């Protein structure tokens, strides 16, 4: 079994996605610093948030990355943020810790934003 290992990057100092960062592949730190982030100084790299692709897509085929907020249209109260669970070594739906492997996300769940571009989504009532 193989899955695509991809990343995207958010510049928190400039509040924007880094052009070309969607789907970039890290082959090593040298490529990361010398390639995609060539316009950044070493200290500026502290402002970069790199998010990994989970290997899953939502019901519309959109790639799901860590930090994305998902909505289940069949359950208006079901909003979850994708997080990495270090202890269990798996992607999970939010704080409740349900491993996303238990769900067929492509059947119902939909990416409605992410916590960097839409910080208001951290509010459970949104």
PDB file of N, CA and C in Angstrom:
ATOM      1  N   UNK A   1       0.839  -1.169   0.000  1.00  0.00           N
ATOM      2  CA  UNK A   1       0.000   0.000   0.000  1.00  0.00           C
ATOM      3  C   UNK A   1       0.892   1.243   0.000  1.00  0.00           C
ATOM      4  N   UNK A   2       0.571   2.183  -0.842  1.00  0.00           N
ATOM      5  CA  UNK A   2       1.310   3.435  -0.846  1.00  0.00           C
ATOM      6  C   UNK A   2       0.314   4.587  -0.915  1.00  0.00           C
ATOM      7  N   UNK A   3       0.728   5.691  -0.365  1.00  0.00           N
ATOM      8  CA  UNK A   3      -0.100   6.881  -0.462  1.00  0.00           C
ATOM      9  C   UNK A   3       0.807   8.046  -0.780  1.00  0.00           C
ATOM     10  N   UNK A   4       0.212   9.051  -1.352  1.00  0.00           N
ATOM     11  CA  UNK A   4       0.962  10.226  -1.735  1.00  0.00           C
ATOM     12  C   UNK A   4       1.310  11.050  -0.497  1.00  0.00           C
ATOM     13  N   UNK A   5       2.571  11.413  -0.351  1.00  0.00           N
ATOM     14  CA  UNK A   5       3.017  12.256   0.754  1.00  0.00           C
ATOM     15  C   UNK A   5       3.154  13.665   0.191  1.00  0.00           C
ATOM     16  N   UNK A   6       2.231  14.548   0.609  1.00  0.00           N
ATOM     17  CA  UNK A   6       2.223  15.922   0.101  1.00  0.00           C
ATOM     18  C   UNK A   6       2.027  16.884   1.262  1.00  0.00           C
ATOM     19  N   UNK A   7       2.401  18.134   1.014  1.00  0.00           N
ATOM     20  CA  UNK A   7       2.309  19.171   2.030  1.00  0.00           C
ATOM     21  C   UNK A   7       1.811  20.467   1.409  1.00  0.00           C
ATOM     22  N   UNK A   8       1.325  21.356   2.257  1.00  0.00           N
ATOM     23  CA  UNK A   8       1.047  22.734   1.864  1.00  0.00           C
ATOM     24  C   UNK A   8       1.646  23.611   2.955  1.00  0.00           C
ATOM     25  N   UNK A   9       1.812  24.917   2.681  1.00  0.00           N
ATOM     26  CA  UNK A   9       2.489  25.782   3.650  1.00  0.00           C
ATOM     27  C   UNK A   9       1.777  27.122   3.785  1.00  0.00           C
ATOM     28  N   UNK A  10       1.655  27.577   5.035  1.00  0.00           N
ATOM     29  CA  UNK A  10       1.022  28.837   5.394  1.00  0.00           C
ATOM     30  C   UNK A  10       2.066  29.740   6.037  1.00  0.00           C
ATOM     31  N   UNK A  11       2.136  30.982   5.568  1.00  0.00           N
ATOM     32  CA  UNK A  11       3.037  31.969   6.155  1.00  0.00           C
ATOM     33  C   UNK A  11       2.228  32.762   7.169  1.00  0.00           C
ATOM     34  N   UNK A  12       2.435  32.483   8.455  1.00  0.00           N
ATOM     35  CA  UNK A  12       1.616  33.128   9.485  1.00  0.00           C
ATOM     36  C   UNK A  12       1.975  34.598   9.672  1.00  0.00           C
ATOM     37  N   UNK A  13       3.179  35.022   9.291  1.00  0.00           N
ATOM     38  CA  UNK A  13       3.552  36.432   9.402  1.00  0.00           C
ATOM     39  C   UNK A  13       2.846  37.271   8.340  1.00  0.00           C
ATOM     40  N   UNK A  14       2.671  36.687   7.151  1.00  0.00           N
ATOM     41  CA  UNK A  14       2.032  37.403   6.045  1.00  0.00           C
ATOM     42  C   UNK A  14       0.558  37.025   5.883  1.00  0.00           C
ATOM     43  N   UNK A  15       0.086  36.071   6.683  1.00  0.00           N
ATOM     44  CA  UNK A  15      -1.302  35.609   6.616  1.00  0.00           C
ATOM     45  C   UNK A  15      -1.699  35.186   5.205  1.00  0.00           C
ATOM     46  N   UNK A  16      -0.881  34.317   4.609  1.00  0.00           N
ATOM     47  CA  UNK A  16      -1.201  33.859   3.254  1.00  0.00           C
ATOM     48  C   UNK A  16      -0.534  32.521   2.970  1.00  0.00           C
ATOM     49  N   UNK A  17      -1.125  31.832   1.985  1.00  0.00           N
ATOM     50  CA  UNK A  17      -0.523  30.583   1.516  1.00  0.00           C
ATOM     51  C   UNK A  17       0.725  30.923   0.731  1.00  0.00           C
ATOM     52  N   UNK A  18       1.674  30.055   0.763  1.00  0.00           N
ATOM     53  CA  UNK A  18       2.896  30.245  -0.009  1.00  0.00           C
ATOM     54  C   UNK A  18       2.640  29.704  -1.403  1.00  0.00           C
ATOM     55  N   UNK A  19       2.796  30.566  -2.394  1.00  0.00           N
ATOM     56  CA  UNK A  19       2.539  30.179  -3.783  1.00  0.00           C
ATOM     57  C   UNK A  19       3.295  28.917  -4.135  1.00  0.00           C
ATOM     58  N   UNK A  20       2.595  28.002  -4.764  1.00  0.00           N
ATOM     59  CA  UNK A  20       3.214  26.758  -5.198  1.00  0.00           C
ATOM     60  C   UNK A  20       3.334  25.722  -4.110  1.00  0.00           C
ATOM     61  N   UNK A  21       2.882  26.042  -2.901  1.00  0.00           N
ATOM     62  CA  UNK A  21       3.061  25.113  -1.793  1.00  0.00           C
ATOM     63  C   UNK A  21       2.036  23.991  -1.810  1.00  0.00           C
ATOM     64  N   UNK A  22       0.910  24.183  -2.469  1.00  0.00           N
ATOM     65  CA  UNK A  22      -0.071  23.108  -2.505  1.00  0.00           C
ATOM     66  C   UNK A  22       0.516  21.914  -3.231  1.00  0.00           C
ATOM     67  N   UNK A  23       0.529  20.808  -2.546  1.00  0.00           N
ATOM     68  CA  UNK A  23       1.003  19.573  -3.148  1.00  0.00           C
ATOM     69  C   UNK A  23       2.507  19.495  -3.323  1.00  0.00           C
ATOM     70  N   UNK A  24       3.281  20.369  -2.668  1.00  0.00           N
ATOM     71  CA  UNK A  24       4.725  20.235  -2.860  1.00  0.00           C
ATOM     72  C   UNK A  24       5.222  19.007  -2.116  1.00  0.00           C
ATOM     73  N   UNK A  25       6.288  18.461  -2.606  1.00  0.00           N
ATOM     74  CA  UNK A  25       6.866  17.247  -2.045  1.00  0.00           C
ATOM     75  C   UNK A  25       8.193  17.591  -1.390  1.00  0.00           C
ATOM     76  N   UNK A  26       8.367  17.152  -0.171  1.00  0.00           N
ATOM     77  CA  UNK A  26       9.630  17.401   0.526  1.00  0.00           C
ATOM     78  C   UNK A  26      10.548  16.211   0.295  1.00  0.00           C
ATOM     79  N   UNK A  27      11.667  16.474  -0.320  1.00  0.00           N
ATOM     80  CA  UNK A  27      12.663  15.430  -0.551  1.00  0.00           C
ATOM     81  C   UNK A  27      13.817  15.581   0.423  1.00  0.00           C
ATOM     82  N   UNK A  28      13.745  16.564   1.258  1.00  0.00           N
ATOM     83  CA  UNK A  28      14.798  16.834   2.229  1.00  0.00           C
ATOM     84  C   UNK A  28      14.798  18.303   2.568  1.00  0.00           C
ATOM     85  N   UNK A  29      15.363  18.650   3.692  1.00  0.00           N
ATOM     86  CA  UNK A  29      15.360  20.043   4.125  1.00  0.00           C
ATOM     87  C   UNK A  29      16.062  20.959   3.130  1.00  0.00           C
ATOM     88  N   UNK A  30      17.100  20.474   2.469  1.00  0.00           N
ATOM     89  CA  UNK A  30      17.833  21.327   1.538  1.00  0.00           C
ATOM     90  C   UNK A  30      16.945  21.779   0.389  1.00  0.00           C
ATOM     91  N   UNK A  31      16.123  20.877  -0.135  1.00  0.00           N
ATOM     92  CA  UNK A  31      15.223  21.259  -1.208  1.00  0.00           C
ATOM     93  C   UNK A  31      14.167  22.223  -0.689  1.00  0.00           C
ATOM     94  N   UNK A  32      13.661  21.967   0.499  1.00  0.00           N
ATOM     95  CA  UNK A  32      12.622  22.801   1.090  1.00  0.00           C
ATOM     96  C   UNK A  32      13.106  24.236   1.244  1.00  0.00           C
ATOM     97  N   UNK A  33      14.281  24.399   1.812  1.00  0.00           N
ATOM     98  CA  UNK A  33      14.812  25.749   2.040  1.00  0.00           C
ATOM     99  C   UNK A  33      15.332  26.349   0.743  1.00  0.00           C
ATOM    100  N   UNK A  34      16.009  25.559  -0.062  1.00  0.00           N
ATOM    101  CA  UNK A  34      16.620  26.088  -1.273  1.00  0.00           C
ATOM    102  C   UNK A  34      15.663  26.226  -2.436  1.00  0.00           C
ATOM    103  N   UNK A  35      14.515  25.536  -2.383  1.00  0.00           N
ATOM    104  CA  UNK A  35      13.585  25.575  -3.492  1.00  0.00           C
ATOM    105  C   UNK A  35      12.400  26.464  -3.222  1.00  0.00           C
ATOM    106  N   UNK A  36      11.345  25.895  -2.692  1.00  0.00           N
ATOM    107  CA  UNK A  36      10.088  26.591  -2.494  1.00  0.00           C
ATOM    108  C   UNK A  36      10.233  27.840  -1.638  1.00  0.00           C
ATOM    109  N   UNK A  37      11.080  27.790  -0.626  1.00  0.00           N
ATOM    110  CA  UNK A  37      11.221  28.899   0.300  1.00  0.00           C
ATOM    111  C   UNK A  37      12.495  29.704   0.051  1.00  0.00           C
ATOM    112  N   UNK A  38      12.938  29.776  -1.194  1.00  0.00           N
ATOM    113  CA  UNK A  38      14.190  30.457  -1.497  1.00  0.00           C
ATOM    114  C   UNK A  38      14.148  31.955  -1.175  1.00  0.00           C
ATOM    115  N   UNK A  39      12.956  32.553  -1.100  1.00  0.00           N
ATOM    116  CA  UNK A  39      12.839  33.975  -0.786  1.00  0.00           C
ATOM    117  C   UNK A  39      12.813  34.242   0.718  1.00  0.00           C
ATOM    118  N   UNK A  40      12.898  33.198   1.520  1.00  0.00           N
ATOM    119  CA  UNK A  40      12.820  33.335   2.974  1.00  0.00           C
ATOM    120  C   UNK A  40      14.198  33.203   3.604  1.00  0.00           C
ATOM    121  N   UNK A  41      14.443  34.041   4.606  1.00  0.00           N
ATOM    122  CA  UNK A  41      15.674  33.891   5.376  1.00  0.00           C
ATOM    123  C   UNK A  41      15.452  32.742   6.363  1.00  0.00           C
ATOM    124  N   UNK A  42      16.515  32.233   6.921  1.00  0.00           N
ATOM    125  CA  UNK A  42      16.404  31.137   7.890  1.00  0.00           C
ATOM    126  C   UNK A  42      15.499  31.539   9.061  1.00  0.00           C
ATOM    127  N   UNK A  43      15.662  32.736   9.673  1.00  0.00           N
ATOM    128  CA  UNK A  43      14.754  33.109  10.773  1.00  0.00           C
ATOM    129  C   UNK A  43      13.284  33.206  10.331  1.00  0.00           C
ATOM    130  N   UNK A  44      13.050  33.634   9.080  1.00  0.00           N
ATOM    131  CA  UNK A  44      11.669  33.747   8.585  1.00  0.00           C
ATOM    132  C   UNK A  44      10.984  32.388   8.467  1.00  0.00           C
ATOM    133  N   UNK A  45      11.758  31.329   8.371  1.00  0.00           N
ATOM    134  CA  UNK A  45      11.163  29.997   8.257  1.00  0.00           C
ATOM    135  C   UNK A  45      10.388  29.620   9.522  1.00  0.00           C
ATOM    136  N   UNK A  46      10.658  30.322  10.630  1.00  0.00           N
ATOM    137  CA  UNK A  46       9.900  30.083  11.854  1.00  0.00           C
ATOM    138  C   UNK A  46       8.435  30.497  11.702  1.00  0.00           C
ATOM    139  N   UNK A  47       8.128  31.305  10.683  1.00  0.00           N
ATOM    140  CA  UNK A  47       6.760  31.751  10.436  1.00  0.00           C
ATOM    141  C   UNK A  47       5.991  30.821   9.505  1.00  0.00           C
ATOM    142  N   UNK A  48       6.633  29.758   9.051  1.00  0.00           N
ATOM    143  CA  UNK A  48       6.009  28.848   8.096  1.00  0.00           C
ATOM    144  C   UNK A  48       5.380  27.674   8.830  1.00  0.00           C
ATOM    145  N   UNK A  49       4.131  27.410   8.529  1.00  0.00           N
ATOM    146  CA  UNK A  49       3.436  26.249   9.071  1.00  0.00           C
ATOM    147  C   UNK A  49       3.236  25.274   7.919  1.00  0.00           C
ATOM    148  N   UNK A  50       3.814  24.108   8.040  1.00  0.00           N
ATOM    149  CA  UNK A  50       3.710  23.083   7.005  1.00  0.00           C
ATOM    150  C   UNK A  50       2.670  22.065   7.456  1.00  0.00           C
ATOM    151  N   UNK A  51       1.710  21.775   6.570  1.00  0.00           N
ATOM    152  CA  UNK A  51       0.636  20.836   6.874  1.00  0.00           C
ATOM    153  C   UNK A  51       0.690  19.662   5.916  1.00  0.00           C
ATOM    154  N   UNK A  52       0.496  18.481   6.436  1.00  0.00           N
ATOM    155  CA  UNK A  52       0.567  17.275   5.629  1.00  0.00           C
ATOM    156  C   UNK A  52      -0.805  16.874   5.100  1.00  0.00           C
ATOM    157  N   UNK A  53      -0.812  16.345   3.902  1.00  0.00           N
ATOM    158  CA  UNK A  53      -2.003  15.762   3.288  1.00  0.00           C
ATOM    159  C   UNK A  53      -2.285  14.433   3.979  1.00  0.00           C
ATOM    160  N   UNK A  54      -3.545  14.182   4.320  1.00  0.00           N
ATOM    161  CA  UNK A  54      -3.910  12.959   5.033  1.00  0.00           C
ATOM    162  C   UNK A  54      -3.962  11.730   4.138  1.00  0.00           C
ATOM    163  N   UNK A  55      -3.971  11.950   2.829  1.00  0.00           N
ATOM    164  CA  UNK A  55      -4.138  10.835   1.898  1.00  0.00           C
ATOM    165  C   UNK A  55      -5.602  10.587   1.573  1.00  0.00           C
ATOM    166  N   UNK A  56      -6.488  11.413   2.146  1.00  0.00           N
ATOM    167  CA  UNK A  56      -7.926  11.263   1.939  1.00  0.00           C
ATOM    168  C   UNK A  56      -8.510  12.504   1.282  1.00  0.00           C
ATOM    169  N   UNK A  57      -9.642  12.315   0.622  1.00  0.00           N
ATOM    170  CA  UNK A  57     -10.356  13.412  -0.013  1.00  0.00           C
ATOM    171  C   UNK A  57     -11.760  13.496   0.564  1.00  0.00           C
ATOM    172  N   UNK A  58     -12.359  14.687   0.486  1.00  0.00           N
ATOM    173  CA  UNK A  58     -13.719  14.851   0.983  1.00  0.00           C
ATOM    174  C   UNK A  58     -14.726  14.406  -0.078  1.00  0.00           C
ATOM    175  N   UNK A  59     -16.012  14.634   0.173  1.00  0.00           N
ATOM    176  CA  UNK A  59     -17.064  14.166  -0.733  1.00  0.00           C
ATOM    177  C   UNK A  59     -16.993  14.829  -2.112  1.00  0.00           C
ATOM    178  N   UNK A  60     -16.321  15.995  -2.197  1.00  0.00           N
ATOM    179  CA  UNK A  60     -16.174  16.695  -3.472  1.00  0.00           C
ATOM    180  C   UNK A  60     -14.838  16.397  -4.146  1.00  0.00           C
ATOM    181  N   UNK A  61     -14.060  15.507  -3.556  1.00  0.00           N
ATOM    182  CA  UNK A  61     -12.763  15.159  -4.114  1.00  0.00           C
ATOM    183  C   UNK A  61     -11.637  16.081  -3.675  1.00  0.00           C
ATOM    184  N   UNK A  62     -11.931  17.049  -2.783  1.00  0.00           N
ATOM    185  CA  UNK A  62     -10.908  17.980  -2.311  1.00  0.00           C
ATOM    186  C   UNK A  62      -9.992  17.267  -1.320  1.00  0.00           C
ATOM    187  N   UNK A  63      -8.696  17.484  -1.474  1.00  0.00           N
ATOM    188  CA  UNK A  63      -7.722  16.868  -0.584  1.00  0.00           C
ATOM    189  C   UNK A  63      -7.894  17.393   0.835  1.00  0.00           C
ATOM    190  N   UNK A  64      -7.757  16.514   1.826  1.00  0.00           N
ATOM    191  CA  UNK A  64      -7.898  16.877   3.231  1.00  0.00           C
ATOM    192  C   UNK A  64      -6.512  16.938   3.861  1.00  0.00           C
ATOM    193  N   UNK A  65      -6.184  18.124   4.399  1.00  0.00           N
ATOM    194  CA  UNK A  65      -4.903  18.361   5.059  1.00  0.00           C
ATOM    195  C   UNK A  65      -5.135  18.572   6.546  1.00  0.00           C
ATOM    196  N   UNK A  66      -4.080  18.376   7.353  1.00  0.00           N
ATOM    197  CA  UNK A  66      -4.211  18.687   8.772  1.00  0.00           C
ATOM    198  C   UNK A  66      -4.546  20.169   8.900  1.00  0.00           C
ATOM    199  N   UNK A  67      -5.370  20.494   9.884  1.00  0.00           N
ATOM    200  CA  UNK A  67      -5.817  21.869  10.074  1.00  0.00           C
ATOM    201  C   UNK A  67      -7.077  22.201   9.316  1.00  0.00           C
ATOM    202  N   UNK A  68      -7.520  21.311   8.424  1.00  0.00           N
ATOM    203  CA  UNK A  68      -8.779  21.544   7.712  1.00  0.00           C
ATOM    204  C   UNK A  68      -9.942  21.300   8.654  1.00  0.00           C
ATOM    205  N   UNK A  69     -11.001  22.065   8.449  1.00  0.00           N
ATOM    206  CA  UNK A  69     -12.221  21.850   9.220  1.00  0.00           C
ATOM    207  C   UNK A  69     -13.228  21.198   8.296  1.00  0.00           C
ATOM    208  N   UNK A  70     -13.809  20.103   8.782  1.00  0.00           N
ATOM    209  CA  UNK A  70     -14.763  19.334   7.995  1.00  0.00           C
ATOM    210  C   UNK A  70     -16.157  19.504   8.567  1.00  0.00           C
ATOM    211  N   UNK A  71     -17.127  19.412   7.676  1.00  0.00           N
ATOM    212  CA  UNK A  71     -18.537  19.492   8.039  1.00  0.00           C
ATOM    213  C   UNK A  71     -19.235  18.270   7.474  1.00  0.00           C
ATOM    214  N   UNK A  72     -20.149  17.716   8.255  1.00  0.00           N
ATOM    215  CA  UNK A  72     -20.989  16.620   7.767  1.00  0.00           C
ATOM    216  C   UNK A  72     -22.378  17.196   7.526  1.00  0.00           C
ATOM    217  N   UNK A  73     -22.769  17.409   6.258  1.00  0.00           N
ATOM    218  CA  UNK A  73     -24.060  18.026   5.957  1.00  0.00           C
ATOM    219  C   UNK A  73     -25.255  17.231   6.498  1.00  0.00           C
ATOM    220  N   UNK A  74     -25.065  15.946   6.789  1.00  0.00           N
ATOM    221  CA  UNK A  74     -26.151  15.138   7.344  1.00  0.00           C
ATOM    222  C   UNK A  74     -26.329  15.364   8.844  1.00  0.00           C
ATOM    223  N   UNK A  75     -25.390  16.066   9.465  1.00  0.00           N
ATOM    224  CA  UNK A  75     -25.461  16.344  10.897  1.00  0.00           C
ATOM    225  C   UNK A  75     -24.948  17.770  11.097  1.00  0.00           C
ATOM    226  N   UNK A  76     -25.865  18.712  11.195  1.00  0.00           N
ATOM    227  CA  UNK A  76     -25.513  20.138  11.246  1.00  0.00           C
ATOM    228  C   UNK A  76     -24.555  20.471  12.382  1.00  0.00           C
ATOM    229  N   UNK A  77     -24.520  19.662  13.427  1.00  0.00           N
ATOM    230  CA  UNK A  77     -23.638  19.954  14.550  1.00  0.00           C
ATOM    231  C   UNK A  77     -22.266  19.300  14.405  1.00  0.00           C
ATOM    232  N   UNK A  78     -22.052  18.569  13.333  1.00  0.00           N
ATOM    233  CA  UNK A  78     -20.797  17.821  13.167  1.00  0.00           C
ATOM    234  C   UNK A  78     -19.761  18.643  12.416  1.00  0.00           C
ATOM    235  N   UNK A  79     -18.906  19.326  13.152  1.00  0.00           N
ATOM    236  CA  UNK A  79     -17.770  20.048  12.609  1.00  0.00           C
ATOM    237  C   UNK A  79     -16.536  19.521  13.306  1.00  0.00           C
ATOM    238  N   UNK A  80     -15.538  19.146  12.563  1.00  0.00           N
ATOM    239  CA  UNK A  80     -14.324  18.597  13.164  1.00  0.00           C
ATOM    240  C   UNK A  80     -13.093  19.125  12.449  1.00  0.00           C
ATOM    241  N   UNK A  81     -12.036  19.334  13.211  1.00  0.00           N
ATOM    242  CA  UNK A  81     -10.749  19.749  12.658  1.00  0.00           C
ATOM    243  C   UNK A  81      -9.844  18.527  12.610  1.00  0.00           C
ATOM    244  N   UNK A  82      -9.167  18.355  11.492  1.00  0.00           N
ATOM    245  CA  UNK A  82      -8.250  17.226  11.324  1.00  0.00           C
ATOM    246  C   UNK A  82      -6.959  17.512  12.084  1.00  0.00           C
ATOM    247  N   UNK A  83      -6.578  16.580  12.932  1.00  0.00           N
ATOM    248  CA  UNK A  83      -5.365  16.711  13.734  1.00  0.00           C
ATOM    249  C   UNK A  83      -4.565  15.412  13.673  1.00  0.00           C
ATOM    250  N   UNK A  84      -3.274  15.512  13.932  1.00  0.00           N
ATOM    251  CA  UNK A  84      -2.413  14.335  14.025  1.00  0.00           C
ATOM    252  C   UNK A  84      -2.334  13.932  15.492  1.00  0.00           C
ATOM    253  N   UNK A  85      -2.614  12.677  15.790  1.00  0.00           N
ATOM    254  CA  UNK A  85      -2.525  12.165  17.150  1.00  0.00           C
ATOM    255  C   UNK A  85      -1.170  11.472  17.295  1.00  0.00           C
ATOM    256  N   UNK A  86      -0.262  12.122  17.983  1.00  0.00           N
ATOM    257  CA  UNK A  86       1.100  11.604  18.128  1.00  0.00           C
ATOM    258  C   UNK A  86       1.109  10.275  18.884  1.00  0.00           C
ATOM    259  N   UNK A  87       0.316  10.178  19.933  1.00  0.00           N
ATOM    260  CA  UNK A  87       0.321   8.969  20.749  1.00  0.00           C
ATOM    261  C   UNK A  87      -0.190   7.746  19.998  1.00  0.00           C
ATOM    262  N   UNK A  88      -1.230   7.935  19.193  1.00  0.00           N
ATOM    263  CA  UNK A  88      -1.807   6.808  18.453  1.00  0.00           C
ATOM    264  C   UNK A  88      -1.254   6.678  17.043  1.00  0.00           C
ATOM    265  N   UNK A  89      -0.503   7.685  16.592  1.00  0.00           N
ATOM    266  CA  UNK A  89       0.085   7.642  15.259  1.00  0.00           C
ATOM    267  C   UNK A  89      -0.941   7.594  14.147  1.00  0.00           C
ATOM    268  N   UNK A  90      -1.970   8.461  14.239  1.00  0.00           N
ATOM    269  CA  UNK A  90      -3.003   8.464  13.198  1.00  0.00           C
ATOM    270  C   UNK A  90      -3.626   9.850  13.081  1.00  0.00           C
ATOM    271  N   UNK A  91      -4.266  10.106  11.928  1.00  0.00           N
ATOM    272  CA  UNK A  91      -5.061  11.317  11.756  1.00  0.00           C
ATOM    273  C   UNK A  91      -6.362  11.107  12.509  1.00  0.00           C
ATOM    274  N   UNK A  92      -6.879  12.173  13.117  1.00  0.00           N
ATOM    275  CA  UNK A  92      -8.111  12.037  13.869  1.00  0.00           C
ATOM    276  C   UNK A  92      -9.036  13.224  13.615  1.00  0.00           C
ATOM    277  N   UNK A  93     -10.318  13.000  13.918  1.00  0.00           N
ATOM    278  CA  UNK A  93     -11.310  14.060  13.847  1.00  0.00           C
ATOM    279  C   UNK A  93     -11.311  14.805  15.167  1.00  0.00           C
ATOM    280  N   UNK A  94     -10.691  15.962  15.195  1.00  0.00           N
ATOM    281  CA  UNK A  94     -10.736  16.863  16.324  1.00  0.00           C
ATOM    282  C   UNK A  94     -10.353  16.313  17.676  1.00  0.00           C
ATOM    283  N   UNK A  95     -10.863  16.999  18.697  1.00  0.00           N
ATOM    284  CA  UNK A  95     -10.507  16.685  20.073  1.00  0.00           C
ATOM    285  C   UNK A  95     -11.056  15.345  20.541  1.00  0.00           C
ATOM    286  N   UNK A  96     -12.126  14.878  19.893  1.00  0.00           N
ATOM    287  CA  UNK A  96     -12.717  13.614  20.340  1.00  0.00           C
ATOM    288  C   UNK A  96     -11.815  12.428  20.035  1.00  0.00           C
ATOM    289  N   UNK A  97     -10.860  12.630  19.137  1.00  0.00           N
ATOM    290  CA  UNK A  97      -9.845  11.621  18.900  1.00  0.00           C
ATOM    291  C   UNK A  97     -10.258  10.426  18.073  1.00  0.00           C
ATOM    292  N   UNK A  98     -11.379  10.517  17.343  1.00  0.00           N
ATOM    293  CA  UNK A  98     -11.772   9.390  16.506  1.00  0.00           C
ATOM    294  C   UNK A  98     -10.837   9.298  15.299  1.00  0.00           C
ATOM    295  N   UNK A  99     -10.128   8.194  15.150  1.00  0.00           N
ATOM    296  CA  UNK A  99      -9.251   8.037  13.982  1.00  0.00           C
ATOM    297  C   UNK A  99     -10.079   8.136  12.698  1.00  0.00           C
ATOM    298  N   UNK A 100      -9.608   8.931  11.737  1.00  0.00           N
ATOM    299  CA  UNK A 100     -10.412   9.127  10.527  1.00  0.00           C
ATOM    300  C   UNK A 100     -10.456   7.885   9.657  1.00  0.00           C
ATOM    301  N   UNK A 101      -9.598   6.926   9.921  1.00  0.00           N
ATOM    302  CA  UNK A 101      -9.658   5.673   9.181  1.00  0.00           C
ATOM    303  C   UNK A 101     -10.952   4.915   9.418  1.00  0.00           C
ATOM    304  N   UNK A 102     -11.662   5.251  10.515  1.00  0.00           N
ATOM    305  CA  UNK A 102     -12.917   4.585  10.821  1.00  0.00           C
ATOM    306  C   UNK A 102     -14.071   5.124   9.982  1.00  0.00           C
ATOM    307  N   UNK A 103     -13.855   6.241   9.320  1.00  0.00           N
ATOM    308  CA  UNK A 103     -14.924   6.894   8.576  1.00  0.00           C
ATOM    309  C   UNK A 103     -14.660   6.843   7.082  1.00  0.00           C
ATOM    310  N   UNK A 104     -15.734   6.807   6.324  1.00  0.00           N
ATOM    311  CA  UNK A 104     -15.613   7.003   4.884  1.00  0.00           C
ATOM    312  C   UNK A 104     -15.869   8.484   4.644  1.00  0.00           C
ATOM    313  N   UNK A 105     -14.827   9.289   4.802  1.00  0.00           N
ATOM    314  CA  UNK A 105     -14.972  10.738   4.716  1.00  0.00           C
ATOM    315  C   UNK A 105     -15.509  11.185   3.375  1.00  0.00           C
ATOM    316  N   UNK A 106     -15.191  10.439   2.331  1.00  0.00           N
ATOM    317  CA  UNK A 106     -15.621  10.848   0.999  1.00  0.00           C
ATOM    318  C   UNK A 106     -17.125  10.703   0.798  1.00  0.00           C
ATOM    319  N   UNK A 107     -17.818   9.981   1.683  1.00  0.00           N
ATOM    320  CA  UNK A 107     -19.263   9.819   1.536  1.00  0.00           C
ATOM    321  C   UNK A 107     -20.040  11.054   1.976  1.00  0.00           C
ATOM    322  N   UNK A 108     -19.629  11.687   3.080  1.00  0.00           N
ATOM    323  CA  UNK A 108     -20.435  12.766   3.631  1.00  0.00           C
ATOM    324  C   UNK A 108     -19.645  14.040   3.966  1.00  0.00           C
ATOM    325  N   UNK A 109     -18.441  13.875   4.485  1.00  0.00           N
ATOM    326  CA  UNK A 109     -17.696  15.012   5.003  1.00  0.00           C
ATOM    327  C   UNK A 109     -17.206  15.931   3.895  1.00  0.00           C
ATOM    328  N   UNK A 110     -17.155  17.224   4.223  1.00  0.00           N
ATOM    329  CA  UNK A 110     -16.761  18.236   3.248  1.00  0.00           C
ATOM    330  C   UNK A 110     -15.825  19.240   3.920  1.00  0.00           C
ATOM    331  N   UNK A 111     -14.720  19.593   3.239  1.00  0.00           N
ATOM    332  CA  UNK A 111     -13.810  20.618   3.751  1.00  0.00           C
ATOM    333  C   UNK A 111     -14.508  21.965   3.610  1.00  0.00           C
ATOM    334  N   UNK A 112     -14.627  22.692   4.737  1.00  0.00           N
ATOM    335  CA  UNK A 112     -15.269  24.009   4.698  1.00  0.00           C
ATOM    336  C   UNK A 112     -14.281  25.131   4.968  1.00  0.00           C
ATOM    337  N   UNK A 113     -13.037  24.802   5.228  1.00  0.00           N
ATOM    338  CA  UNK A 113     -12.015  25.801   5.492  1.00  0.00           C
ATOM    339  C   UNK A 113     -10.879  25.179   6.268  1.00  0.00           C
ATOM    340  N   UNK A 114     -10.034  26.041   6.814  1.00  0.00           N
ATOM    341  CA  UNK A 114      -8.914  25.576   7.627  1.00  0.00           C
ATOM    342  C   UNK A 114      -8.653  26.586   8.727  1.00  0.00           C
ATOM    343  N   UNK A 115      -7.949  26.161   9.754  1.00  0.00           N
ATOM    344  CA  UNK A 115      -7.772  26.990  10.939  1.00  0.00           C
ATOM    345  C   UNK A 115      -6.791  28.139  10.741  1.00  0.00           C
ATOM    346  N   UNK A 116      -6.078  28.183   9.643  1.00  0.00           N
ATOM    347  CA  UNK A 116      -5.121  29.250   9.402  1.00  0.00           C
ATOM    348  C   UNK A 116      -5.754  30.372   8.588  1.00  0.00           C
ATOM    349  N   UNK A 117      -6.406  30.018   7.521  1.00  0.00           N
ATOM    350  CA  UNK A 117      -7.054  30.999   6.661  1.00  0.00           C
ATOM    351  C   UNK A 117      -8.361  31.488   7.289  1.00  0.00           C
ATOM    352  N   UNK A 118      -8.995  30.626   8.084  1.00  0.00           N
ATOM    353  CA  UNK A 118     -10.278  30.929   8.714  1.00  0.00           C
ATOM    354  C   UNK A 118     -10.199  30.642  10.213  1.00  0.00           C
ATOM    355  N   UNK A 119      -9.447  31.447  10.988  1.00  0.00           N
ATOM    356  CA  UNK A 119      -9.281  31.145  12.417  1.00  0.00           C
ATOM    357  C   UNK A 119     -10.599  31.129  13.189  1.00  0.00           C
ATOM    358  N   UNK A 120     -11.609  31.798  12.674  1.00  0.00           N
ATOM    359  CA  UNK A 120     -12.908  31.778  13.346  1.00  0.00           C
ATOM    360  C   UNK A 120     -13.513  30.376  13.379  1.00  0.00           C
ATOM    361  N   UNK A 121     -13.020  29.483  12.523  1.00  0.00           N
ATOM    362  CA  UNK A 121     -13.526  28.113  12.500  1.00  0.00           C
ATOM    363  C   UNK A 121     -13.114  27.339  13.746  1.00  0.00           C
ATOM    364  N   UNK A 122     -12.179  27.871  14.522  1.00  0.00           N
ATOM    365  CA  UNK A 122     -11.815  27.213  15.773  1.00  0.00           C
ATOM    366  C   UNK A 122     -12.962  27.286  16.783  1.00  0.00           C
ATOM    367  N   UNK A 123     -13.865  28.244  16.570  1.00  0.00           N
ATOM    368  CA  UNK A 123     -15.046  28.363  17.412  1.00  0.00           C
ATOM    369  C   UNK A 123     -15.988  27.230  17.057  1.00  0.00           C
ATOM    370  N   UNK A 124     -16.359  26.409  18.009  1.00  0.00           N
ATOM    371  CA  UNK A 124     -17.210  25.238  17.765  1.00  0.00           C
ATOM    372  C   UNK A 124     -18.583  25.614  17.236  1.00  0.00           C
ATOM    373  N   UNK A 125     -19.033  26.853  17.462  1.00  0.00           N
ATOM    374  CA  UNK A 125     -20.371  27.255  17.051  1.00  0.00           C
ATOM    375  C   UNK A 125     -20.440  27.693  15.595  1.00  0.00           C
ATOM    376  N   UNK A 126     -19.294  27.835  14.927  1.00  0.00           N
ATOM    377  CA  UNK A 126     -19.286  28.313  13.536  1.00  0.00           C
ATOM    378  C   UNK A 126     -19.635  27.188  12.603  1.00  0.00           C
TER     379      UNK A 126
END
